[in-house]
């Protein structure tokens, strides 16, 4: 005997198919409606103040080769505080040969803290002959910590006759130990009638960028036998006659048939004929130790140092002492931080 449920089975199945067809039809209608919706009107949205729409529209214009229109769209985003858009507009304007407009775009990025944008703006304005505006742009980079920009600002202001305005940025270069900036500051002082101050600055400019503390290693060739290796800790602050005077400690290990060790203190003087060359002399005093006894020793050394700015120097010299041999030496001195970095990364 057939149950009521079995008799209703086909009807339920038919109802289920009808429901599925209804849902599918609704989905098709929805998708068709979605596909007929118009895309966003990016130009209108951009004009209305949507910086994101400006960037999307600008990228589309650029991809179509419409570079000038793309630059204008990036410009609209830039005016709505979009710093990357300012940089892109500036780059496009430069490619289009529109240097005045490019400088204006980079100025917007500079005003929002973009140091590189300030430097690019300054270079463009200098090329365009707008030297006063260029000095302002370099001044913004200087205020953000770029000492090279401080030097350029100072020189531009000197050319414009603004000696009072040139001194603050050039003073920053002096404080940063820049020889060129120190020389320029000396020129400003001389132009303002301070000859004594200018002479002092020129004296300091030759040595201002040199290291305060150096680690020095030297190889000594004994002219009568007995080669050796020397290690110095050399101290030469600006307070010591602008690094002309130096003091330090010296250790020498020599092979004179048996190991001999010299431990010395020294004081020296170096005369800077330029910012990279200085003849020098020093007097050493201490003890010479060997397997039998310790002897008091005093000696002298003279040579020529060739400097590589703040990194250090190379030198050759001749020396002698009461108890040790006469020798020729070749040495390398490094700023102590550089030397420690090398030692820390040596394998």
Protein backbone atom coordinates (compact mmCIF):
# COMPACT_ATOMS: atom_id res chain seq x y z
CA UNK A 1 0.00 0.00 0.00
CA UNK A 2 1.45 3.46 -1.05
CA UNK A 3 1.95 5.95 1.77
CA UNK A 4 0.89 9.66 1.56
CA UNK A 5 4.53 10.75 1.72
CA UNK A 6 5.47 8.61 -1.26
CA UNK A 7 2.53 9.99 -3.18
CA UNK A 8 3.70 13.60 -2.52
CA UNK A 9 7.35 12.99 -3.49
CA UNK A 10 7.20 14.15 -7.15
CA UNK A 11 5.32 17.30 -6.20
CA UNK A 12 7.96 18.23 -3.65
CA UNK A 13 10.72 17.65 -6.20
CA UNK A 14 8.98 19.86 -8.74
CA UNK A 15 8.58 22.60 -6.17
CA UNK A 16 12.33 22.43 -5.38
CA UNK A 17 13.28 22.83 -9.04
CA UNK A 18 11.00 25.84 -9.38
CA UNK A 19 12.66 27.50 -6.34
CA UNK A 20 16.15 26.91 -7.77
CA UNK A 21 15.16 28.35 -11.14
CA UNK A 22 13.70 31.41 -9.44
CA UNK A 23 16.90 32.05 -7.46
CA UNK A 24 19.09 31.59 -10.54
CA UNK A 25 16.94 34.01 -12.51
CA UNK A 26 17.20 36.61 -9.77
CA UNK A 27 20.98 36.25 -9.70
CA UNK A 28 21.17 36.72 -13.47
CA UNK A 29 19.07 39.86 -13.25
CA UNK A 30 21.30 41.19 -10.44
CA UNK A 31 24.49 40.46 -12.41
CA UNK A 32 23.10 42.06 -15.54
CA UNK A 33 22.19 45.14 -13.54
CA UNK A 34 25.69 45.30 -11.99
CA UNK A 35 27.32 44.97 -15.39
CA UNK A 36 25.30 47.91 -16.70
CA UNK A 37 26.34 50.27 -13.90
CA UNK A 38 28.64 53.05 -15.22
CA UNK A 39 32.31 53.14 -13.99
CA UNK A 40 33.30 55.88 -11.52
CA UNK A 41 33.73 59.28 -13.12
CA UNK A 42 37.33 59.81 -11.93
CA UNK A 43 37.80 63.26 -13.48
CA UNK A 44 34.65 64.54 -11.77
CA UNK A 45 35.60 62.92 -8.48
CA UNK A 46 39.07 64.43 -8.77
CA UNK A 47 37.64 67.91 -9.39
CA UNK A 48 35.39 67.40 -6.38
CA UNK A 49 38.44 66.90 -4.14
CA UNK A 50 39.06 63.14 -4.12
CA UNK A 51 42.87 62.88 -4.30
CA UNK A 52 42.67 59.09 -4.71
CA UNK A 53 40.51 59.58 -7.81
CA UNK A 54 43.07 62.09 -9.12
CA UNK A 55 45.85 59.51 -8.81
CA UNK A 56 43.81 56.77 -10.52
CA UNK A 57 42.89 59.16 -13.32
CA UNK A 58 46.52 60.34 -13.64
CA UNK A 59 47.81 56.77 -13.94
CA UNK A 60 45.25 56.05 -16.63
CA UNK A 61 46.25 59.17 -18.57
CA UNK A 62 49.91 58.27 -18.26
CA UNK A 63 49.29 54.74 -19.53
CA UNK A 64 47.58 56.28 -22.57
CA UNK A 65 50.59 58.48 -23.27
CA UNK A 66 48.80 61.69 -22.24
CA UNK A 67 51.70 62.88 -20.07
CA UNK A 68 50.79 66.54 -19.77
CA UNK A 69 47.25 65.75 -18.70
CA UNK A 70 48.63 63.16 -16.28
CA UNK A 71 50.92 65.80 -14.77
CA UNK A 72 47.91 68.10 -14.29
CA UNK A 73 45.97 65.31 -12.57
CA UNK A 74 48.90 64.57 -10.26
CA UNK A 75 49.04 68.32 -9.59
CA UNK A 76 45.44 68.29 -8.37
CA UNK A 77 46.30 65.44 -5.97
CA UNK A 78 49.40 67.35 -4.87
CA UNK A 79 47.31 70.39 -3.96
CA UNK A 80 45.29 68.10 -1.71
CA UNK A 81 48.33 67.28 0.44
CA UNK A 82 49.42 64.16 -1.46
CA UNK A 83 53.23 64.48 -1.27
CA UNK A 84 54.08 61.48 -3.52
CA UNK A 85 51.80 63.01 -6.18
CA UNK A 86 53.82 66.23 -5.95
CA UNK A 87 57.04 64.32 -6.62
CA UNK A 88 55.50 62.49 -9.58
CA UNK A 89 54.15 65.72 -11.01
CA UNK A 90 57.56 67.32 -10.65
CA UNK A 91 59.26 64.44 -12.44
CA UNK A 92 56.74 64.50 -15.31
CA UNK A 93 57.03 68.28 -15.67
CA UNK A 94 60.82 67.97 -15.90
CA UNK A 95 60.47 65.32 -18.62
CA UNK A 96 58.13 67.68 -20.46
CA UNK A 97 60.64 70.51 -20.15
CA UNK A 98 58.34 72.52 -17.89
CA UNK A 99 60.96 73.46 -15.29
CA UNK A 100 59.04 76.35 -13.71
CA UNK A 101 56.05 74.10 -13.08
CA UNK A 102 58.33 71.30 -11.89
CA UNK A 103 59.96 73.62 -9.36
CA UNK A 104 56.50 74.60 -8.05
CA UNK A 105 55.57 70.92 -7.61
CA UNK A 106 58.80 70.13 -5.78
CA UNK A 107 58.26 73.17 -3.57
CA UNK A 108 54.98 71.68 -2.36
CA UNK A 109 56.75 68.43 -1.44
CA UNK A 110 59.58 70.39 0.17
CA UNK A 111 57.17 72.38 2.35
CA UNK A 112 55.81 69.06 3.67
CA UNK A 113 59.23 67.88 4.82
CA UNK A 114 60.71 66.24 1.72
CA UNK A 115 64.41 67.03 1.93
CA UNK A 116 65.25 65.58 -1.48
CA UNK A 117 62.43 67.66 -2.99
CA UNK A 118 63.98 70.81 -1.48
CA UNK A 119 67.32 69.95 -3.07
CA UNK A 120 65.74 69.29 -6.48
CA UNK A 121 63.75 72.52 -6.23
CA UNK A 122 66.92 74.41 -5.35
CA UNK A 123 68.82 72.99 -8.34
CA UNK A 124 65.96 73.82 -10.73
CA UNK A 125 65.61 77.37 -9.44
CA UNK A 126 69.37 77.90 -9.69
CA UNK A 127 69.35 76.72 -13.32
CA UNK A 128 66.42 79.06 -14.01
CA UNK A 129 68.35 81.98 -12.52
CA UNK A 130 66.04 82.40 -9.52
CA UNK A 131 68.92 82.48 -7.04
CA UNK A 132 67.06 84.07 -4.13
CA UNK A 133 64.26 81.49 -4.31
CA UNK A 134 66.89 78.75 -4.69
CA UNK A 135 68.57 79.94 -1.48
CA UNK A 136 65.23 79.60 0.32
CA UNK A 137 64.80 76.03 -0.98
CA UNK A 138 68.31 75.03 0.07
CA UNK A 139 67.65 76.72 3.41
CA UNK A 140 64.71 74.39 4.04
CA UNK A 141 66.94 71.38 3.33
CA UNK A 142 69.58 72.86 5.63
CA UNK A 143 67.03 73.17 8.43
CA UNK A 144 66.26 69.47 7.97
CA UNK A 145 69.92 68.57 8.57
CA UNK A 146 71.59 68.52 5.13
CA UNK A 147 74.89 70.35 5.74
CA UNK A 148 75.77 70.34 2.02
CA UNK A 149 72.56 72.31 1.46
CA UNK A 150 73.69 74.71 4.21
CA UNK A 151 76.91 75.32 2.26
CA UNK A 152 75.02 75.95 -0.98
CA UNK A 153 72.56 78.29 0.73
CA UNK A 154 75.40 80.22 2.31
CA UNK A 155 77.25 80.62 -0.99
CA UNK A 156 74.09 81.74 -2.80
CA UNK A 157 73.38 84.34 -0.14
CA UNK A 158 76.97 85.59 -0.41
CA UNK A 159 76.52 86.00 -4.18
CA UNK A 160 73.32 87.93 -3.52
CA UNK A 161 75.17 90.21 -1.09
CA UNK A 162 73.22 88.91 1.91
CA UNK A 163 76.23 88.45 4.22
CA UNK A 164 74.11 88.47 7.38
CA UNK A 165 71.84 85.76 5.96
CA UNK A 166 74.83 83.71 4.76
CA UNK A 167 76.46 83.37 8.16
CA UNK A 168 73.93 81.09 10.01
CA UNK A 169 73.96 78.24 7.43
CA UNK A 170 77.74 78.50 7.04
CA UNK A 171 78.12 78.38 10.80
CA UNK A 172 76.33 75.00 10.68
CA UNK A 173 78.92 73.73 8.20
CA UNK A 174 81.68 74.89 10.52
CA UNK A 175 80.07 73.08 13.46
CA UNK A 176 79.81 69.96 11.26
CA UNK A 177 83.55 70.09 10.49
CA UNK A 178 83.31 70.95 6.77
CA UNK A 179 86.50 72.54 5.38
CA UNK A 180 84.71 74.22 2.44
CA UNK A 181 82.06 75.66 4.72
CA UNK A 182 84.69 76.94 7.12
CA UNK A 183 86.53 78.66 4.24
CA UNK A 184 83.26 80.22 3.06
CA UNK A 185 82.49 81.42 6.59
CA UNK A 186 85.97 82.97 6.68
CA UNK A 187 85.15 84.86 3.47
CA UNK A 188 81.94 86.16 5.05
CA UNK A 189 83.81 87.34 8.15
CA UNK A 190 86.43 89.05 6.00
CA UNK A 191 83.74 90.77 3.91
CA UNK A 192 82.15 92.03 7.12
CA UNK A 193 85.49 93.47 8.29
CA UNK A 194 86.51 90.77 10.80
CA UNK A 195 89.96 89.93 9.38
CA UNK A 196 91.18 88.33 12.61
CA UNK A 197 88.18 86.01 12.72
CA UNK A 198 88.60 85.17 9.04
CA UNK A 199 92.28 84.29 9.53
CA UNK A 200 91.48 82.04 12.48
CA UNK A 201 88.84 80.19 10.45
CA UNK A 202 91.22 79.66 7.52
CA UNK A 203 93.77 78.28 9.97
CA UNK A 204 91.18 75.85 11.34
CA UNK A 205 89.78 74.88 7.91
CA UNK A 206 92.92 72.88 7.03
CA UNK A 207 92.43 70.46 9.91
CA UNK A 208 88.80 70.76 10.99
CA UNK A 209 87.63 67.48 9.44
CA UNK A 210 90.44 65.30 10.80
CA UNK A 211 89.87 62.60 13.41
CA UNK A 212 90.16 63.47 17.10
CA UNK A 213 91.48 60.02 18.06
CA UNK A 214 93.35 57.69 15.72
CA UNK A 215 94.61 54.14 15.96
CA UNK A 216 97.90 53.93 14.05
CA UNK A 217 99.81 50.83 12.93
CA UNK A 218 103.30 51.09 11.42
CA UNK A 219 105.99 48.79 10.15
CA UNK A 220 109.56 49.81 10.96
CA UNK A 221 112.47 48.81 8.75
CA UNK A 222 115.60 48.87 10.92
CA UNK A 223 118.41 50.42 8.87
CA UNK A 224 120.98 48.55 10.95
CA UNK A 225 118.84 45.45 11.46
CA UNK A 226 115.92 44.86 13.79
CA UNK A 227 112.60 45.35 12.03
CA UNK A 228 109.51 45.94 14.11
CA UNK A 229 105.82 46.66 14.37
CA UNK A 230 104.46 49.77 16.13
CA UNK A 231 100.99 50.57 17.44
CA UNK A 232 99.98 54.12 18.46
CA UNK A 233 96.97 55.75 20.05
CA UNK A 234 97.09 59.31 18.72
CA UNK A 235 95.01 62.18 20.17
CA UNK A 236 94.68 65.51 18.31
CA UNK A 237 91.67 67.64 19.32
CA UNK A 238 90.94 71.04 17.80
CA UNK A 239 91.77 72.57 21.19
CA UNK A 240 95.44 71.61 20.60
CA UNK A 241 96.24 74.45 18.17
CA UNK A 242 93.62 73.18 15.70
CA UNK A 243 95.14 69.66 15.72
CA UNK A 244 98.70 70.93 15.15
CA UNK A 245 99.77 69.48 18.50
CA UNK A 246 99.23 65.81 19.20
CA UNK A 247 99.98 63.44 22.07
CA UNK A 248 99.73 59.72 22.46
CA UNK A 249 101.14 56.39 23.56
CA UNK A 250 103.29 54.09 21.47
CA UNK A 251 104.20 50.42 21.69
CA UNK A 252 106.89 48.82 19.51
CA UNK A 253 107.81 45.15 19.16
CA UNK A 254 111.21 44.58 17.51
CA UNK A 255 113.24 41.55 16.52
CA UNK A 256 116.85 42.21 17.50
CA UNK A 257 118.00 38.64 17.96
CA UNK A 258 115.50 38.43 20.81
CA UNK A 259 112.13 40.07 21.26
CA UNK A 260 112.40 43.70 22.42
CA UNK A 261 109.43 45.82 23.42
CA UNK A 262 109.33 49.60 23.63
CA UNK A 263 106.66 51.45 25.62
CA UNK A 264 106.58 55.22 25.07
CA UNK A 265 104.59 58.37 25.43
CA UNK A 266 105.04 61.10 22.85
CA UNK A 267 104.23 64.67 21.89
CA UNK A 268 104.36 65.98 18.35
CA UNK A 269 103.62 68.83 15.99
CA UNK A 270 102.21 68.67 12.46
CA UNK A 271 102.19 71.59 10.04
CA UNK A 272 99.31 71.56 7.57
CA UNK A 273 100.53 72.84 4.22
CA UNK A 274 97.09 71.89 2.80
CA UNK A 275 94.05 70.03 4.06
CA UNK A 276 95.60 66.74 2.91
CA UNK A 277 99.35 67.04 3.61
CA UNK A 278 101.27 67.77 6.82
CA UNK A 279 104.96 67.30 7.62
CA UNK A 280 105.34 66.27 11.25
CA UNK A 281 107.84 65.58 14.00
CA UNK A 282 107.52 64.03 17.44
CA UNK A 283 109.60 63.18 20.50
CA UNK A 284 109.14 59.80 22.21
CA UNK A 285 110.19 58.86 25.73
CA UNK A 286 109.77 55.63 27.67
CA UNK A 287 111.32 52.24 28.35
CA UNK A 288 112.92 49.59 26.18
CA UNK A 289 112.35 46.10 27.57
CA UNK A 290 114.12 42.89 26.66
CA UNK A 291 114.71 39.55 28.37
CA UNK A 292 117.52 40.98 30.54
CA UNK A 293 116.49 44.43 31.70
CA UNK A 294 114.47 47.60 31.18
CA UNK A 295 116.28 50.67 29.90
CA UNK A 296 115.18 54.30 29.68
CA UNK A 297 114.92 55.40 26.07
CA UNK A 298 114.25 58.66 24.26
CA UNK A 299 113.92 59.12 20.52
CA UNK A 300 112.63 61.33 17.71
CA UNK A 301 110.77 60.80 14.46
CA UNK A 302 109.99 63.05 11.47
CA UNK A 303 107.93 62.40 8.35
CA UNK A 304 105.00 63.36 6.14
CA UNK A 305 101.32 62.55 6.65
CA UNK A 306 98.85 62.36 3.78
CA UNK A 307 95.25 62.69 5.02
CA UNK A 308 92.00 61.22 3.70
CA UNK A 309 89.67 63.64 5.46
CA UNK A 310 88.09 62.26 8.64
CA UNK A 311 88.92 58.64 7.80
CA UNK A 312 92.61 58.77 8.67
CA UNK A 313 96.04 59.11 7.06
CA UNK A 314 99.03 57.35 5.57
CA UNK A 315 102.60 58.39 6.40
CA UNK A 316 106.26 57.62 5.96
CA UNK A 317 108.96 58.71 8.38
CA UNK A 318 112.50 58.26 9.67
CA UNK A 319 113.34 57.92 13.34
CA UNK A 320 115.92 56.89 15.87
CA UNK A 321 116.41 56.54 19.62
CA UNK A 322 119.24 56.24 22.16
CA UNK A 323 118.74 52.52 22.76
CA UNK A 324 116.92 51.45 19.60
CA UNK A 325 117.89 51.30 15.93
CA UNK A 326 117.54 54.01 13.30
CA UNK A 327 114.56 53.11 11.15
CA UNK A 328 112.27 54.02 8.31
CA UNK A 329 108.54 53.47 8.89
CA UNK A 330 105.37 53.21 6.84
CA UNK A 331 102.14 53.74 8.74
CA UNK A 332 98.39 53.87 8.39
CA UNK A 333 96.23 55.77 10.86
CA UNK A 334 92.46 55.37 11.08
CA UNK A 335 89.74 57.14 12.99
CA UNK A 336 89.22 54.98 16.05
CA UNK A 337 85.55 54.31 15.22
CA UNK A 338 86.49 53.16 11.70
CA UNK A 339 89.27 51.00 13.16
CA UNK A 340 86.94 49.36 15.69
CA UNK A 341 84.34 48.71 12.97
CA UNK A 342 86.96 46.97 10.83
CA UNK A 343 88.17 44.91 13.77
CA UNK A 344 84.63 43.94 14.73
CA UNK A 345 83.89 42.68 11.20
CA UNK A 346 87.25 41.01 10.59
CA UNK A 347 87.06 37.23 10.25
